[in-house]
Each structure stands twice: as C-alpha cells, then as structure tokens.
Amino acid sequence: MNEPPQTKRPPGTTIPWEEKLKEMPPIVGDRELVERVWKQTDSLGYLYIYFCLLGF
C-alpha cells in the first residue's frame, strides 16, 4: 500500500514557529508571548483552509 508523504510540519500548523522565527527580526520583548500568539494565529489559518476544503 502507498504511504502518505511525510511532512516536517506538526499537525494543525501551516507555517511552524521555528520556520517563521527564521524570517523575523530578533525579538526584543517576551519571546514566549510572540510564540504563543503565532501558534494561535497559525492554527486559525489551518482551520480556515481545512474547512474550505471540506465545504467544497
């Protein structure tokens, strides 16, 4: 049987935090806060894409 392709992304994410962190300038403030907000926002993007695919 064919196995689905393996991805490096954790389930429920579109752009992992580690990948996004490379694109951003150095964080001066609370890094954990920025990471938490990014993960919450990214999960909403994932859900939007998921439900759009299921709806059509």
PDB file of N, CA and C in Angstrom:
ATOM      1  N   MET A   1       0.833  -1.184   0.000  1.00  0.00           N
ATOM      2  CA  MET A   1       0.000   0.000   0.000  1.00  0.00           C
ATOM      3  C   MET A   1       0.876   1.245   0.000  1.00  0.00           C
ATOM      4  N   ASN A   2       0.414   2.287  -0.649  1.00  0.00           N
ATOM      5  CA  ASN A   2       1.174   3.537  -0.696  1.00  0.00           C
ATOM      6  C   ASN A   2       1.031   4.296   0.613  1.00  0.00           C
ATOM      7  N   GLU A   3       2.146   4.723   1.146  1.00  0.00           N
ATOM      8  CA  GLU A   3       2.157   5.523   2.368  1.00  0.00           C
ATOM      9  C   GLU A   3       2.008   6.999   2.000  1.00  0.00           C
ATOM     10  N   PRO A   4       1.277   7.776   2.798  1.00  0.00           N
ATOM     11  CA  PRO A   4       1.206   9.213   2.512  1.00  0.00           C
ATOM     12  C   PRO A   4       2.572   9.853   2.712  1.00  0.00           C
ATOM     13  N   PRO A   5       2.853  10.926   1.983  1.00  0.00           N
ATOM     14  CA  PRO A   5       4.168  11.573   2.133  1.00  0.00           C
ATOM     15  C   PRO A   5       4.339  12.138   3.539  1.00  0.00           C
ATOM     16  N   GLN A   6       5.526  12.005   4.070  1.00  0.00           N
ATOM     17  CA  GLN A   6       5.837  12.518   5.405  1.00  0.00           C
ATOM     18  C   GLN A   6       6.175  14.007   5.309  1.00  0.00           C
ATOM     19  N   THR A   7       5.658  14.776   6.235  1.00  0.00           N
ATOM     20  CA  THR A   7       5.946  16.199   6.277  1.00  0.00           C
ATOM     21  C   THR A   7       6.692  16.534   7.551  1.00  0.00           C
ATOM     22  N   LYS A   8       7.338  17.670   7.544  1.00  0.00           N
ATOM     23  CA  LYS A   8       8.084  18.115   8.713  1.00  0.00           C
ATOM     24  C   LYS A   8       7.225  19.006   9.606  1.00  0.00           C
ATOM     25  N   ARG A   9       6.010  19.248   9.209  1.00  0.00           N
ATOM     26  CA  ARG A   9       5.141  20.152   9.960  1.00  0.00           C
ATOM     27  C   ARG A   9       4.341  19.378  11.003  1.00  0.00           C
ATOM     28  N   PRO A  10       4.231  19.953  12.197  1.00  0.00           N
ATOM     29  CA  PRO A  10       3.359  19.327  13.200  1.00  0.00           C
ATOM     30  C   PRO A  10       1.901  19.404  12.753  1.00  0.00           C
ATOM     31  N   PRO A  11       1.059  18.510  13.215  1.00  0.00           N
ATOM     32  CA  PRO A  11      -0.356  18.567  12.837  1.00  0.00           C
ATOM     33  C   PRO A  11      -0.996  19.888  13.270  1.00  0.00           C
ATOM     34  N   GLY A  12      -1.847  20.431  12.413  1.00  0.00           N
ATOM     35  CA  GLY A  12      -2.575  21.650  12.748  1.00  0.00           C
ATOM     36  C   GLY A  12      -1.816  22.940  12.514  1.00  0.00           C
ATOM     37  N   THR A  13      -0.720  22.887  11.774  1.00  0.00           N
ATOM     38  CA  THR A  13       0.038  24.110  11.503  1.00  0.00           C
ATOM     39  C   THR A  13       0.206  24.296  10.001  1.00  0.00           C
ATOM     40  N   THR A  14       0.291  25.556   9.588  1.00  0.00           N
ATOM     41  CA  THR A  14       0.603  25.848   8.194  1.00  0.00           C
ATOM     42  C   THR A  14       2.071  26.247   8.064  1.00  0.00           C
ATOM     43  N   ILE A  15       2.539  27.123   8.950  1.00  0.00           N
ATOM     44  CA  ILE A  15       3.953  27.512   8.991  1.00  0.00           C
ATOM     45  C   ILE A  15       4.441  27.311  10.425  1.00  0.00           C
ATOM     46  N   PRO A  16       5.324  26.340  10.657  1.00  0.00           N
ATOM     47  CA  PRO A  16       5.798  26.094  12.024  1.00  0.00           C
ATOM     48  C   PRO A  16       6.527  27.308  12.597  1.00  0.00           C
ATOM     49  N   TRP A  17       6.471  27.442  13.910  1.00  0.00           N
ATOM     50  CA  TRP A  17       7.101  28.563  14.612  1.00  0.00           C
ATOM     51  C   TRP A  17       8.583  28.643  14.294  1.00  0.00           C
ATOM     52  N   GLU A  18       9.275  27.531  14.279  1.00  0.00           N
ATOM     53  CA  GLU A  18      10.715  27.527  14.025  1.00  0.00           C
ATOM     54  C   GLU A  18      11.033  28.087  12.641  1.00  0.00           C
ATOM     55  N   GLU A  19      10.183  27.789  11.674  1.00  0.00           N
ATOM     56  CA  GLU A  19      10.375  28.301  10.313  1.00  0.00           C
ATOM     57  C   GLU A  19      10.086  29.798  10.246  1.00  0.00           C
ATOM     58  N   LYS A  20       9.028  30.232  10.917  1.00  0.00           N
ATOM     59  CA  LYS A  20       8.660  31.659  10.919  1.00  0.00           C
ATOM     60  C   LYS A  20       9.691  32.490  11.668  1.00  0.00           C
ATOM     61  N   LEU A  21      10.273  31.926  12.728  1.00  0.00           N
ATOM     62  CA  LEU A  21      11.264  32.642  13.534  1.00  0.00           C
ATOM     63  C   LEU A  21      12.484  33.023  12.705  1.00  0.00           C
ATOM     64  N   LYS A  22      12.837  32.200  11.724  1.00  0.00           N
ATOM     65  CA  LYS A  22      13.983  32.493  10.857  1.00  0.00           C
ATOM     66  C   LYS A  22      13.738  33.727   9.984  1.00  0.00           C
ATOM     67  N   GLU A  23      12.464  33.997   9.668  1.00  0.00           N
ATOM     68  CA  GLU A  23      12.111  35.118   8.800  1.00  0.00           C
ATOM     69  C   GLU A  23      11.984  36.442   9.561  1.00  0.00           C
ATOM     70  N   MET A  24      11.803  36.357  10.866  1.00  0.00           N
ATOM     71  CA  MET A  24      11.524  37.550  11.666  1.00  0.00           C
ATOM     72  C   MET A  24      12.810  38.205  12.171  1.00  0.00           C
ATOM     73  N   PRO A  25      12.740  39.511  12.439  1.00  0.00           N
ATOM     74  CA  PRO A  25      13.882  40.166  13.085  1.00  0.00           C
ATOM     75  C   PRO A  25      13.993  39.664  14.531  1.00  0.00           C
ATOM     76  N   PRO A  26      15.122  39.910  15.179  1.00  0.00           N
ATOM     77  CA  PRO A  26      15.267  39.462  16.570  1.00  0.00           C
ATOM     78  C   PRO A  26      14.149  40.012  17.466  1.00  0.00           C
ATOM     79  N   ILE A  27      13.641  39.158  18.345  1.00  0.00           N
ATOM     80  CA  ILE A  27      12.546  39.545  19.232  1.00  0.00           C
ATOM     81  C   ILE A  27      13.135  40.214  20.467  1.00  0.00           C
ATOM     82  N   VAL A  28      12.693  41.428  20.746  1.00  0.00           N
ATOM     83  CA  VAL A  28      13.211  42.203  21.865  1.00  0.00           C
ATOM     84  C   VAL A  28      12.398  41.935  23.128  1.00  0.00           C
ATOM     85  N   GLY A  29      11.098  41.747  22.993  1.00  0.00           N
ATOM     86  CA  GLY A  29      10.212  41.577  24.145  1.00  0.00           C
ATOM     87  C   GLY A  29      10.099  40.129  24.588  1.00  0.00           C
ATOM     88  N   ASP A  30       8.918  39.774  24.997  1.00  0.00           N
ATOM     89  CA  ASP A  30       8.620  38.445  25.528  1.00  0.00           C
ATOM     90  C   ASP A  30       8.493  37.434  24.381  1.00  0.00           C
ATOM     91  N   ARG A  31       9.502  36.612  24.214  1.00  0.00           N
ATOM     92  CA  ARG A  31       9.530  35.651  23.108  1.00  0.00           C
ATOM     93  C   ARG A  31       8.418  34.606  23.241  1.00  0.00           C
ATOM     94  N   GLU A  32       8.136  34.162  24.459  1.00  0.00           N
ATOM     95  CA  GLU A  32       7.089  33.162  24.670  1.00  0.00           C
ATOM     96  C   GLU A  32       5.714  33.694  24.282  1.00  0.00           C
ATOM     97  N   LEU A  33       5.478  34.972  24.543  1.00  0.00           N
ATOM     98  CA  LEU A  33       4.207  35.597  24.161  1.00  0.00           C
ATOM     99  C   LEU A  33       4.077  35.634  22.644  1.00  0.00           C
ATOM    100  N   VAL A  34       5.131  36.036  21.963  1.00  0.00           N
ATOM    101  CA  VAL A  34       5.103  36.094  20.495  1.00  0.00           C
ATOM    102  C   VAL A  34       4.889  34.697  19.921  1.00  0.00           C
ATOM    103  N   GLU A  35       5.558  33.700  20.489  1.00  0.00           N
ATOM    104  CA  GLU A  35       5.402  32.320  20.015  1.00  0.00           C
ATOM    105  C   GLU A  35       3.970  31.831  20.229  1.00  0.00           C
ATOM    106  N   ARG A  36       3.412  32.099  21.390  1.00  0.00           N
ATOM    107  CA  ARG A  36       2.053  31.651  21.688  1.00  0.00           C
ATOM    108  C   ARG A  36       1.043  32.294  20.742  1.00  0.00           C
ATOM    109  N   VAL A  37       1.183  33.602  20.504  1.00  0.00           N
ATOM    110  CA  VAL A  37       0.258  34.299  19.602  1.00  0.00           C
ATOM    111  C   VAL A  37       0.419  33.773  18.176  1.00  0.00           C
ATOM    112  N   TRP A  38       1.666  33.520  17.752  1.00  0.00           N
ATOM    113  CA  TRP A  38       1.878  32.988  16.403  1.00  0.00           C
ATOM    114  C   TRP A  38       1.204  31.625  16.247  1.00  0.00           C
ATOM    115  N   LYS A  39       1.386  30.762  17.215  1.00  0.00           N
ATOM    116  CA  LYS A  39       0.807  29.417  17.119  1.00  0.00           C
ATOM    117  C   LYS A  39      -0.715  29.471  17.108  1.00  0.00           C
ATOM    118  N   GLN A  40      -1.313  30.363  17.890  1.00  0.00           N
ATOM    119  CA  GLN A  40      -2.770  30.504  17.885  1.00  0.00           C
ATOM    120  C   GLN A  40      -3.263  31.025  16.539  1.00  0.00           C
ATOM    121  N   THR A  41      -2.587  32.022  16.000  1.00  0.00           N
ATOM    122  CA  THR A  41      -2.973  32.595  14.713  1.00  0.00           C
ATOM    123  C   THR A  41      -2.784  31.588  13.588  1.00  0.00           C
ATOM    124  N   ASP A  42      -1.678  30.863  13.627  1.00  0.00           N
ATOM    125  CA  ASP A  42      -1.392  29.865  12.599  1.00  0.00           C
ATOM    126  C   ASP A  42      -2.424  28.744  12.619  1.00  0.00           C
ATOM    127  N   SER A  43      -2.859  28.348  13.797  1.00  0.00           N
ATOM    128  CA  SER A  43      -3.851  27.272  13.877  1.00  0.00           C
ATOM    129  C   SER A  43      -5.188  27.731  13.284  1.00  0.00           C
ATOM    130  N   LEU A  44      -5.524  29.023  13.408  1.00  0.00           N
ATOM    131  CA  LEU A  44      -6.747  29.530  12.790  1.00  0.00           C
ATOM    132  C   LEU A  44      -6.656  29.477  11.265  1.00  0.00           C
ATOM    133  N   GLY A  45      -5.475  29.794  10.733  1.00  0.00           N
ATOM    134  CA  GLY A  45      -5.274  29.678   9.289  1.00  0.00           C
ATOM    135  C   GLY A  45      -5.426  28.247   8.814  1.00  0.00           C
ATOM    136  N   TYR A  46      -4.904  27.312   9.586  1.00  0.00           N
ATOM    137  CA  TYR A  46      -5.026  25.895   9.250  1.00  0.00           C
ATOM    138  C   TYR A  46      -6.495  25.478   9.245  1.00  0.00           C
ATOM    139  N   LEU A  47      -7.236  25.894  10.273  1.00  0.00           N
ATOM    140  CA  LEU A  47      -8.657  25.538  10.340  1.00  0.00           C
ATOM    141  C   LEU A  47      -9.440  26.140   9.181  1.00  0.00           C
ATOM    142  N   TYR A  48      -9.119  27.361   8.803  1.00  0.00           N
ATOM    143  CA  TYR A  48      -9.794  28.008   7.678  1.00  0.00           C
ATOM    144  C   TYR A  48      -9.579  27.197   6.391  1.00  0.00           C
ATOM    145  N   ILE A  49      -8.335  26.842   6.132  1.00  0.00           N
ATOM    146  CA  ILE A  49      -8.025  26.050   4.933  1.00  0.00           C
ATOM    147  C   ILE A  49      -8.732  24.704   4.989  1.00  0.00           C
ATOM    148  N   TYR A  50      -8.691  24.062   6.139  1.00  0.00           N
ATOM    149  CA  TYR A  50      -9.304  22.741   6.312  1.00  0.00           C
ATOM    150  C   TYR A  50     -10.805  22.794   6.033  1.00  0.00           C
ATOM    151  N   PHE A  51     -11.501  23.768   6.628  1.00  0.00           N
ATOM    152  CA  PHE A  51     -12.933  23.850   6.448  1.00  0.00           C
ATOM    153  C   PHE A  51     -13.316  24.299   5.043  1.00  0.00           C
ATOM    154  N   CYS A  52     -12.486  25.101   4.393  1.00  0.00           N
ATOM    155  CA  CYS A  52     -12.756  25.467   2.993  1.00  0.00           C
ATOM    156  C   CYS A  52     -12.658  24.238   2.097  1.00  0.00           C
ATOM    157  N   LEU A  53     -11.693  23.384   2.369  1.00  0.00           N
ATOM    158  CA  LEU A  53     -11.558  22.162   1.565  1.00  0.00           C
ATOM    159  C   LEU A  53     -12.717  21.208   1.802  1.00  0.00           C
ATOM    160  N   LEU A  54     -13.206  21.137   3.036  1.00  0.00           N
ATOM    161  CA  LEU A  54     -14.331  20.254   3.334  1.00  0.00           C
ATOM    162  C   LEU A  54     -15.649  20.811   2.803  1.00  0.00           C
ATOM    163  N   GLY A  55     -15.751  22.124   2.726  1.00  0.00           N
ATOM    164  CA  GLY A  55     -17.004  22.731   2.309  1.00  0.00           C
ATOM    165  C   GLY A  55     -17.280  22.661   0.821  1.00  0.00           C
ATOM    166  N   PHE A  56     -16.267  22.427   0.019  1.00  0.00           N
ATOM    167  CA  PHE A  56     -16.471  22.438  -1.434  1.00  0.00           C
ATOM    168  C   PHE A  56     -16.207  21.107  -2.053  1.00  0.00           C
TER     169      PHE A  56
END
